[in-house]
Amino acid sequence: MKGPKHAGGGPKGKKGFPMGDPKHQRLAIGGATRSYDAGNISKSKELEIKAEARRLLGEKRKAKLNKWAGGAK
């Protein structure tokens, strides 16, 4: 038996292929950083991509505590 001709992760003929597994989300975070560093995307686009990937991963970003703002002493 032959496999399907379209083996991408998205609809045939559409740009991109969002994957729901954690590996692809982590790769998206790293790819956004590399693209920003290379000058291919803006900082806001980088942050947008990272936020979406982290949301799908279920990560909670811990706010940095400032010792002057009632944080740990």
C-alpha atoms as a PDB file:
ATOM      1  CA  MET A   1       0.000   0.000   0.000  1.00  0.00           C
ATOM      2  CA  LYS A   2       1.139   3.501  -0.781  1.00  0.00           C
ATOM      3  CA  GLY A   3       0.996   6.267   1.785  1.00  0.00           C
ATOM      4  CA  PRO A   4      -0.817   9.539   1.232  1.00  0.00           C
ATOM      5  CA  LYS A   5       0.802  11.987  -1.177  1.00  0.00           C
ATOM      6  CA  HIS A   6       0.385  14.850   1.273  1.00  0.00           C
ATOM      7  CA  ALA A   7       2.207  13.996   4.487  1.00  0.00           C
ATOM      8  CA  GLY A   8       2.356  17.512   5.928  1.00  0.00           C
ATOM      9  CA  GLY A   9       0.861  18.468   9.237  1.00  0.00           C
ATOM     10  CA  GLY A  10      -1.651  20.941   7.865  1.00  0.00           C
ATOM     11  CA  PRO A  11      -4.332  21.100   5.206  1.00  0.00           C
ATOM     12  CA  LYS A  12      -3.120  20.417   1.687  1.00  0.00           C
ATOM     13  CA  GLY A  13      -2.217  23.629  -0.097  1.00  0.00           C
ATOM     14  CA  LYS A  14      -2.036  25.711   3.080  1.00  0.00           C
ATOM     15  CA  LYS A  15       1.090  27.414   4.350  1.00  0.00           C
ATOM     16  CA  GLY A  16       2.529  26.064   7.589  1.00  0.00           C
ATOM     17  CA  PHE A  17       1.692  23.006   9.592  1.00  0.00           C
ATOM     18  CA  PRO A  18       0.966  23.548  13.272  1.00  0.00           C
ATOM     19  CA  MET A  19       1.591  20.405  15.302  1.00  0.00           C
ATOM     20  CA  GLY A  20       0.064  19.849  18.692  1.00  0.00           C
ATOM     21  CA  ASP A  21       2.818  17.799  20.272  1.00  0.00           C
ATOM     22  CA  PRO A  22       5.319  19.295  22.747  1.00  0.00           C
ATOM     23  CA  LYS A  23       8.344  18.672  20.531  1.00  0.00           C
ATOM     24  CA  HIS A  24       7.009  20.923  17.777  1.00  0.00           C
ATOM     25  CA  GLN A  25       6.023  23.630  20.255  1.00  0.00           C
ATOM     26  CA  ARG A  26       9.548  23.697  21.714  1.00  0.00           C
ATOM     27  CA  LEU A  27      10.988  23.859  18.214  1.00  0.00           C
ATOM     28  CA  ALA A  28       8.710  26.819  17.465  1.00  0.00           C
ATOM     29  CA  ILE A  29      10.081  28.689  20.485  1.00  0.00           C
ATOM     30  CA  GLY A  30      13.667  28.090  19.384  1.00  0.00           C
ATOM     31  CA  GLY A  31      12.857  28.908  15.773  1.00  0.00           C
ATOM     32  CA  ALA A  32      11.272  32.204  16.748  1.00  0.00           C
ATOM     33  CA  THR A  33      14.409  33.190  18.646  1.00  0.00           C
ATOM     34  CA  ARG A  34      16.650  32.255  15.716  1.00  0.00           C
ATOM     35  CA  SER A  35      14.455  34.122  13.230  1.00  0.00           C
ATOM     36  CA  TYR A  36      14.477  37.251  15.379  1.00  0.00           C
ATOM     37  CA  ASP A  37      18.247  37.075  15.869  1.00  0.00           C
ATOM     38  CA  ALA A  38      18.697  36.703  12.101  1.00  0.00           C
ATOM     39  CA  GLY A  39      16.496  39.757  11.488  1.00  0.00           C
ATOM     40  CA  ASN A  40      13.733  37.828   9.714  1.00  0.00           C
ATOM     41  CA  ILE A  41      10.911  38.694  12.126  1.00  0.00           C
ATOM     42  CA  SER A  42      10.125  41.547  14.508  1.00  0.00           C
ATOM     43  CA  LYS A  43      10.404  41.304  18.286  1.00  0.00           C
ATOM     44  CA  SER A  44       6.607  41.457  18.595  1.00  0.00           C
ATOM     45  CA  LYS A  45       6.205  38.538  16.165  1.00  0.00           C
ATOM     46  CA  GLU A  46       8.824  36.551  18.099  1.00  0.00           C
ATOM     47  CA  LEU A  47       6.942  37.126  21.351  1.00  0.00           C
ATOM     48  CA  GLU A  48       3.622  36.253  19.686  1.00  0.00           C
ATOM     49  CA  ILE A  49       4.983  32.920  18.421  1.00  0.00           C
ATOM     50  CA  LYS A  50       6.553  32.104  21.785  1.00  0.00           C
ATOM     51  CA  ALA A  51       3.366  32.970  23.685  1.00  0.00           C
ATOM     52  CA  GLU A  52       1.255  30.728  21.452  1.00  0.00           C
ATOM     53  CA  ALA A  53       3.695  27.827  21.729  1.00  0.00           C
ATOM     54  CA  ARG A  54       3.949  28.196  25.500  1.00  0.00           C
ATOM     55  CA  ARG A  55       0.164  28.394  25.793  1.00  0.00           C
ATOM     56  CA  LEU A  56      -0.142  25.135  23.867  1.00  0.00           C
ATOM     57  CA  LEU A  57       2.551  23.572  26.050  1.00  0.00           C
ATOM     58  CA  GLY A  58       0.745  24.746  29.167  1.00  0.00           C
ATOM     59  CA  GLU A  59       3.821  26.496  30.521  1.00  0.00           C
ATOM     60  CA  LYS A  60       3.389  29.172  33.105  1.00  0.00           C
ATOM     61  CA  ARG A  61       6.070  31.828  32.909  1.00  0.00           C
ATOM     62  CA  LYS A  62       7.193  32.803  36.383  1.00  0.00           C
ATOM     63  CA  ALA A  63       7.493  36.515  36.915  1.00  0.00           C
ATOM     64  CA  LYS A  64      10.895  37.576  38.141  1.00  0.00           C
ATOM     65  CA  LEU A  65      10.614  38.680  41.724  1.00  0.00           C
ATOM     66  CA  ASN A  66      12.119  42.001  42.586  1.00  0.00           C
ATOM     67  CA  LYS A  67      13.373  42.185  46.160  1.00  0.00           C
ATOM     68  CA  TRP A  68      12.100  45.780  46.323  1.00  0.00           C
ATOM     69  CA  ALA A  69       8.612  44.826  45.137  1.00  0.00           C
ATOM     70  CA  GLY A  70       7.737  42.460  47.978  1.00  0.00           C
ATOM     71  CA  GLY A  71       9.576  39.437  46.605  1.00  0.00           C
ATOM     72  CA  ALA A  72      11.736  36.942  48.472  1.00  0.00           C
ATOM     73  CA  LYS A  73      14.102  38.452  50.994  1.00  0.00           C
END
